[in-house]
Structure formats: C-alpha cells, structure tokens
Amino acid sequence: MENTQKVIDAMKKAGEPLKAGQIAELTGLDKKEVDKAMKTLKTEELIVSPKRCFWEPK
C-alpha cells in the first residue's frame, strides 16, 4: 500500500484531526515519510487543517 493511502486511512479511522507524529505512530511509518505523504495529500487537496498542525481528511 502506498504511504499516502496509509496516511489517509489512519486519519479516517481516527475520526479526529491528527498531528503528523500521531499519524506516524498509527501507521508505523517514519515521520519523514508521513510528512512527504501529507505534502502530496495537501497538494491534491485531500486533507485540510481545522487548526494549526492538525490535519483531517476533506
């Protein structure tokens, strides 16, 4: 599974806005990989930030 899909799945499963570090813990990915995946998701406008440093699926 691609890292971006793992990140988005973890966000949907959590049901609340998460920080990159929390997503890294949930997915088992390295934080740098999570940051890279989140950057892609932000560019594709698939995630939004309801408050600073927290992200959730659109």
Protein backbone atom coordinates (compact mmCIF):
# COMPACT_ATOMS: atom_id res chain seq x y z
CA MET A 1 0.00 0.00 0.00
CA GLU A 2 1.23 3.45 -0.84
CA ASN A 3 2.19 5.71 2.08
CA THR A 4 -0.34 8.39 1.12
CA GLN A 5 -3.12 5.79 1.31
CA LYS A 6 -1.88 4.57 4.72
CA VAL A 7 -1.92 8.17 5.99
CA ILE A 8 -5.41 8.94 4.73
CA ASP A 9 -6.74 5.62 6.08
CA ALA A 10 -5.27 6.34 9.53
CA MET A 11 -6.87 9.79 9.53
CA LYS A 12 -10.29 8.42 8.57
CA LYS A 13 -10.06 5.65 11.18
CA ALA A 14 -9.10 8.09 13.96
CA GLY A 15 -12.18 10.24 13.30
CA GLU A 16 -10.46 13.36 14.64
CA PRO A 17 -7.76 15.78 13.47
CA LEU A 18 -4.24 14.40 13.98
CA LYS A 19 -0.67 15.67 14.07
CA ALA A 20 1.97 14.14 11.79
CA GLY A 21 3.62 12.45 14.79
CA GLN A 22 0.36 10.76 15.77
CA ILE A 23 -0.14 9.53 12.21
CA ALA A 24 3.41 8.14 12.20
CA GLU A 25 2.62 6.17 15.38
CA LEU A 26 -0.67 4.83 13.98
CA THR A 27 0.77 3.78 10.62
CA GLY A 28 4.20 2.60 11.75
CA LEU A 29 5.79 4.84 9.12
CA ASP A 30 8.77 7.11 9.70
CA LYS A 31 7.70 10.72 10.41
CA LYS A 32 9.61 11.92 7.34
CA GLU A 33 7.58 9.52 5.18
CA VAL A 34 4.37 10.79 6.77
CA ASP A 35 5.40 14.40 6.10
CA LYS A 36 6.12 13.55 2.46
CA ALA A 37 2.76 11.78 2.07
CA MET A 38 0.93 14.66 3.75
CA LYS A 39 2.58 17.15 1.41
CA THR A 40 1.18 15.18 -1.54
CA LEU A 41 -2.26 14.99 0.07
CA LYS A 42 -2.24 18.75 0.73
CA THR A 43 -1.31 19.44 -2.90
CA GLU A 44 -4.16 17.20 -4.08
CA GLU A 45 -6.46 18.94 -1.55
CA LEU A 46 -7.46 15.63 0.06
CA ILE A 47 -6.71 16.80 3.62
CA VAL A 48 -7.46 20.06 5.45
CA SER A 49 -6.22 21.67 8.62
CA PRO A 50 -9.02 22.64 11.03
CA LYS A 51 -6.43 24.07 13.43
CA ARG A 52 -2.70 24.65 13.37
CA CYS A 53 -0.61 21.46 12.98
CA PHE A 54 -3.66 19.18 12.96
CA TRP A 55 -4.96 17.52 9.80
CA GLU A 56 -8.04 15.57 8.75
CA PRO A 57 -9.47 14.18 5.50
CA LYS A 58 -11.57 16.57 3.47
